[in-house]
Protein backbone atom coordinates (compact mmCIF):
# COMPACT_ATOMS: atom_id res chain seq x y z
CA MET A 1 -12.95 -4.05 13.17
CA THR A 2 -13.41 -2.87 9.60
CA GLN A 3 -15.12 0.35 10.70
CA ASN A 4 -12.25 2.55 9.53
CA PHE A 5 -12.00 0.70 6.21
CA ASP A 6 -15.72 1.13 5.57
CA ARG A 7 -15.57 4.79 6.56
CA VAL A 8 -12.78 5.48 4.06
CA PHE A 9 -13.94 3.37 1.13
CA GLY A 10 -17.67 2.81 1.58
CA ASN A 11 -19.19 -0.37 0.21
CA THR A 12 -17.19 -0.47 -3.02
CA LYS A 13 -14.24 -2.75 -3.68
CA PRO A 14 -11.61 0.02 -3.69
CA VAL A 15 -8.83 0.16 -6.23
CA ILE A 16 -5.88 2.16 -4.90
CA GLY A 17 -3.31 3.54 -7.32
CA MET A 18 0.31 4.05 -6.26
CA VAL A 19 2.18 7.32 -6.49
CA HIS A 20 5.78 6.12 -6.28
CA ILE A 21 7.76 9.18 -5.22
CA GLY A 22 11.27 9.25 -6.68
CA ALA A 23 14.33 8.35 -4.62
CA LEU A 24 14.49 10.74 -1.68
CA PRO A 25 17.40 12.81 -0.31
CA GLY A 26 19.92 10.72 1.58
CA THR A 27 19.18 7.52 -0.37
CA PRO A 28 21.65 5.99 -2.86
CA LEU A 29 19.47 6.51 -5.95
CA PHE A 30 18.60 10.15 -5.20
CA GLU A 31 19.08 12.43 -8.21
CA PRO A 32 19.03 16.16 -7.34
CA SER A 33 18.11 16.99 -10.93
CA ILE A 34 14.77 15.17 -10.67
CA ASP A 35 11.82 17.31 -9.60
CA LEU A 36 10.16 14.97 -7.09
CA LEU A 37 7.12 17.19 -6.70
CA ALA A 38 6.50 17.44 -10.44
CA THR A 39 6.79 13.69 -11.04
CA ALA A 40 4.50 12.88 -8.11
CA ARG A 41 1.99 15.44 -9.33
CA ALA A 42 1.97 13.93 -12.82
CA ASP A 43 1.21 10.48 -11.40
CA LEU A 44 -1.50 11.86 -9.12
CA VAL A 45 -3.18 13.67 -12.02
CA ALA A 46 -3.08 10.53 -14.16
CA LEU A 47 -4.58 8.33 -11.45
CA GLN A 48 -7.33 10.75 -10.51
CA GLY A 49 -8.12 11.35 -14.17
CA ALA A 50 -8.52 7.60 -14.66
CA GLY A 51 -11.02 7.38 -11.80
CA PHE A 52 -9.08 5.52 -9.11
CA ASP A 53 -10.92 5.26 -5.81
CA ALA A 54 -7.89 6.27 -3.77
CA VAL A 55 -4.16 6.88 -4.09
CA MET A 56 -1.22 5.92 -1.92
CA PHE A 57 2.13 7.69 -1.71
CA GLY A 58 5.15 5.45 -1.20
CA ASN A 59 8.94 5.61 -1.29
CA GLU A 60 9.39 2.55 -3.49
CA ASN A 61 12.56 4.03 -4.98
CA ASP A 62 14.47 4.27 -1.68
CA ARG A 63 16.60 1.18 -2.23
CA PRO A 64 18.31 -0.47 -0.44
CA TYR A 65 15.31 -0.56 1.87
CA GLU A 66 15.53 0.03 5.62
CA PHE A 67 13.51 -0.83 8.71
CA GLN A 68 14.24 2.53 10.35
CA VAL A 69 14.04 5.21 7.69
CA ASP A 70 16.08 8.39 7.87
CA MET A 71 13.86 11.23 9.04
CA ALA A 72 14.84 13.21 5.92
CA SER A 73 12.90 10.71 3.80
CA THR A 74 9.76 11.00 5.89
CA ALA A 75 10.05 14.78 6.06
CA THR A 76 10.52 15.07 2.30
CA MET A 77 7.51 12.86 1.66
CA ALA A 78 5.47 15.03 4.03
CA ALA A 79 6.57 18.17 2.19
CA ILE A 80 5.62 16.72 -1.20
CA ILE A 81 2.24 15.43 -0.03
CA GLY A 82 1.56 18.71 1.75
CA GLN A 83 2.12 20.67 -1.46
CA LEU A 84 -0.09 18.26 -3.42
CA LYS A 85 -2.85 18.03 -0.84
CA PRO A 86 -5.02 20.83 -2.32
CA GLU A 87 -5.07 18.81 -5.56
CA ILE A 88 -5.96 15.44 -4.00
CA GLN A 89 -9.62 14.66 -4.72
CA VAL A 90 -9.82 11.09 -3.35
CA PRO A 91 -8.86 9.41 -0.07
CA PHE A 92 -5.11 8.98 0.18
CA GLY A 93 -2.77 6.78 2.15
CA VAL A 94 0.94 6.53 2.81
CA ASN A 95 3.62 3.88 3.19
CA VAL A 96 7.23 4.47 4.24
CA LEU A 97 9.06 1.23 3.40
CA TRP A 98 9.60 -0.72 5.64
CA ASP A 99 9.06 1.39 8.72
CA PRO A 100 5.70 1.17 10.53
CA MET A 101 6.43 4.02 12.92
CA SER A 102 7.49 6.42 10.17
CA SER A 103 4.47 5.37 8.12
CA VAL A 104 2.13 6.19 10.99
CA ALA A 105 3.91 9.49 11.67
CA LEU A 106 3.68 10.49 8.01
CA GLY A 107 0.02 9.53 7.87
CA VAL A 108 -0.78 11.66 10.89
CA ALA A 109 1.30 14.62 9.69
CA THR A 110 -0.36 14.70 6.26
CA GLY A 111 -3.91 13.81 7.29
CA ALA A 112 -3.88 10.50 5.42
CA ALA A 113 -6.98 8.33 5.54
CA PHE A 114 -5.01 5.07 5.72
CA VAL A 115 -1.55 3.62 6.11
CA ARG A 116 -0.04 0.39 4.75
CA GLU A 117 2.85 -1.60 6.16
CA ILE A 118 4.13 -4.90 7.52
CA PHE A 119 2.86 -4.68 11.08
CA THR A 120 2.91 -8.33 12.20
CA GLY A 121 5.00 -11.47 11.80
CA THR A 122 8.66 -12.47 11.83
CA TYR A 123 10.63 -12.74 8.61
CA ALA A 124 14.02 -13.47 7.13
CA SER A 125 14.45 -10.80 4.48
CA ASP A 126 16.83 -9.07 2.09
CA MET A 127 17.16 -6.40 4.77
CA GLY A 128 17.91 -8.84 7.59
CA PRO A 129 15.69 -10.15 10.41
CA TRP A 130 12.29 -8.47 10.26
CA THR A 131 10.27 -8.17 13.47
CA PRO A 132 7.59 -5.44 13.29
CA ASP A 133 5.51 -4.45 16.31
CA ALA A 134 1.83 -3.86 15.57
CA GLY A 135 1.02 -2.98 19.16
CA LYS A 136 3.62 -0.22 19.23
CA ALA A 137 2.52 1.20 15.86
CA MET A 138 -1.19 1.22 16.68
CA ARG A 139 -0.63 2.77 20.09
CA TYR A 140 1.50 5.44 18.40
CA ARG A 141 -1.34 6.17 15.98
CA ASP A 142 -3.83 6.52 18.82
CA ARG A 143 -1.42 8.58 20.94
CA LEU A 144 -1.19 11.00 18.01
CA ASN A 145 -5.01 11.23 18.09
CA ARG A 146 -5.71 9.45 14.78
CA PRO A 147 -7.65 6.32 15.78
CA ASP A 148 -9.70 6.88 12.63
CA MET A 149 -6.70 6.33 10.31
CA ALA A 150 -7.19 2.88 8.80
CA MET A 151 -4.28 0.46 9.14
CA LEU A 152 -3.79 -1.98 6.27
CA TYR A 153 -1.67 -4.98 7.31
CA ASN A 154 0.39 -6.74 4.66
CA VAL A 155 0.59 -10.33 5.99
CA SER A 156 2.84 -11.78 3.27
CA ALA A 157 5.91 -9.57 3.11
CA GLU A 158 7.71 -8.96 -0.17
CA PHE A 159 11.46 -9.60 -0.31
CA ALA A 160 11.11 -11.96 2.63
CA HIS A 161 10.25 -15.42 3.91
CA SER A 162 8.05 -15.89 6.94
CA LEU A 163 9.79 -17.68 9.81
CA ASP A 164 6.34 -18.49 11.16
CA GLN A 165 5.60 -21.86 9.59
CA ARG A 166 1.85 -21.67 10.00
CA PRO A 167 -0.04 -21.57 6.69
CA LEU A 168 -0.78 -18.05 5.44
CA PRO A 169 -4.52 -18.25 6.22
CA ASP A 170 -3.72 -19.18 9.82
CA ARG A 171 -1.27 -16.28 10.13
CA ALA A 172 -3.82 -13.88 8.67
CA ARG A 173 -6.60 -15.09 10.94
CA SER A 174 -4.31 -14.84 13.94
CA ALA A 175 -3.18 -11.32 13.02
CA VAL A 176 -6.81 -10.21 12.84
CA PHE A 177 -7.52 -11.63 16.30
CA SER A 178 -4.34 -10.39 17.99
CA SER A 179 -3.61 -7.11 16.20
CA ILE A 180 -6.96 -5.75 14.93
CA PRO A 181 -6.13 -4.52 11.40
CA ASP A 182 -8.67 -2.62 9.34
CA ALA A 183 -7.77 -4.72 6.29
CA VAL A 184 -5.48 -7.62 5.43
CA LEU A 185 -3.29 -7.48 2.33
CA VAL A 186 -1.91 -10.46 0.43
CA SER A 187 1.25 -9.98 -1.65
CA GLY A 188 3.53 -11.73 -4.08
CA GLN A 189 7.22 -12.30 -3.49
CA ILE A 190 8.38 -8.98 -4.91
CA THR A 191 6.96 -5.64 -6.07
CA GLY A 192 4.97 -6.13 -9.27
CA GLU A 193 4.57 -9.89 -8.82
CA ALA A 194 1.10 -11.22 -8.17
CA ALA A 195 -0.12 -12.95 -5.08
CA ALA A 196 -1.28 -16.47 -5.89
CA MET A 197 -5.03 -16.59 -6.40
CA SER A 198 -5.06 -19.64 -4.16
CA ASP A 199 -3.58 -17.49 -1.36
CA LEU A 200 -6.20 -14.77 -1.84
CA GLU A 201 -8.97 -17.34 -1.86
CA ALA A 202 -7.66 -19.13 1.22
CA VAL A 203 -7.24 -15.94 3.26
CA LYS A 204 -10.66 -14.62 2.26
CA ALA A 205 -12.24 -17.97 3.14
CA VAL A 206 -11.06 -17.71 6.76
CA LEU A 207 -11.77 -13.95 6.99
CA PRO A 208 -15.23 -13.53 5.46
CA ASP A 209 -16.02 -10.45 7.56
CA VAL A 210 -12.66 -8.67 7.15
CA ALA A 211 -11.50 -6.68 4.12
CA VAL A 212 -8.90 -8.74 2.22
CA MET A 213 -7.04 -6.97 -0.60
CA ALA A 214 -4.57 -7.99 -3.27
CA ASN A 215 -1.45 -5.93 -2.65
CA THR A 216 0.89 -6.59 -5.58
CA GLY A 217 0.99 -7.67 -9.21
CA VAL A 218 -2.63 -7.04 -10.21
CA LYS A 219 -2.70 -6.65 -13.98
CA HIS A 220 -5.21 -5.50 -16.56
CA GLU A 221 -5.97 -9.06 -17.60
CA THR A 222 -6.35 -10.34 -14.02
CA VAL A 223 -8.14 -7.53 -12.18
CA ALA A 224 -11.62 -8.94 -12.85
CA ASP A 225 -10.63 -12.32 -11.39
CA VAL A 226 -8.94 -10.64 -8.41
CA LEU A 227 -11.98 -8.52 -7.59
CA ALA A 228 -14.22 -11.57 -7.81
CA VAL A 229 -12.39 -12.85 -4.71
CA ALA A 230 -10.76 -9.88 -2.97
CA ASP A 231 -12.36 -6.81 -1.40
CA GLY A 232 -10.16 -4.46 -3.42
CA CYS A 233 -6.61 -4.11 -4.64
CA ILE A 234 -3.56 -1.88 -4.70
CA VAL A 235 -1.86 -1.41 -8.05
CA GLY A 236 1.34 0.30 -9.17
CA SER A 237 3.56 -1.38 -11.73
CA SER A 238 0.78 -2.32 -14.16
CA LEU A 239 -0.11 1.35 -14.59
CA LYS A 240 3.38 2.50 -15.50
CA VAL A 241 4.79 3.16 -18.96
CA ASP A 242 5.61 -0.30 -20.41
CA GLY A 243 4.47 -1.85 -17.12
CA ASP A 244 7.83 -0.98 -15.54
CA THR A 245 7.71 -0.14 -11.82
CA TRP A 246 10.26 2.65 -12.15
CA ASN A 247 8.51 4.50 -14.98
CA PRO A 248 5.85 7.20 -14.57
CA VAL A 249 2.15 6.35 -14.64
CA ASP A 250 0.85 5.97 -18.19
CA PRO A 251 -2.53 7.79 -18.32
CA ASP A 252 -3.82 5.45 -21.06
CA ARG A 253 -2.89 2.31 -19.11
CA ALA A 254 -4.49 3.80 -15.99
CA ARG A 255 -7.73 4.60 -17.80
CA ASP A 256 -7.85 1.15 -19.39
CA PHE A 257 -7.30 -0.46 -15.98
CA MET A 258 -10.18 1.40 -14.39
CA ALA A 259 -12.44 0.71 -17.36
CA ARG A 260 -11.88 -2.98 -16.67
CA VAL A 261 -12.52 -2.42 -12.97
CA ARG A 262 -15.86 -0.74 -13.67
CA LYS A 263 -16.85 -3.59 -15.97
CA ALA A 264 -15.89 -6.16 -13.32
CA ARG A 265 -17.85 -4.35 -10.62
CA ALA A 266 -20.91 -4.20 -12.83
């Protein structure tokens, strides 16, 4: 079940750095004066220079978020990633918030090694009722001839409350059985907010043979504790100038973060 995860990341506990592409055409915060390619390139260079194991491109700035993203957003992301691809030196993934089908399509179009999304569960959210379909998304991936593209399932959605009243470890264990993810991600309530360590520990305890990653809010001072429990993490906000999600990646903060990661792994 974790074959794709192991193929992409090997036996290390991967640390994935986020490239938050600026607000895309057709979204309320889009600014035509901003060079989306240049800002994404700067973040990519900073993350690779700091030694991150992988990067992930996301449309975090496309607020208000949608469940079915305008094709212009996905196409623009594909164009940006395509232009950056010759410069990408590590495995990369994609995430089109909060649209599993567009995420899979973008991953296939760009040759991504992995994709992250909410693929399972039922939620009440800021965006309305949330009912993703893992079966449809995975079949779409395979129909597009990319069964090797790892699918990372976030099982504790940000900006939402699960309508499934089972405890999180039970939902995670069930998702693994029913929907065969390559990894399970545990999140906090909102971008940049940490998942509770007790949640990470509980999910990992019931999924000892599945990759379990911390998905949000990992900070410089907590990454060692997180990696002592989790099989890796995804980090964005902590790497930004002043730790602000909407700022560019700070190369010094990124290097410091990975220095701490290397120390923790040792």
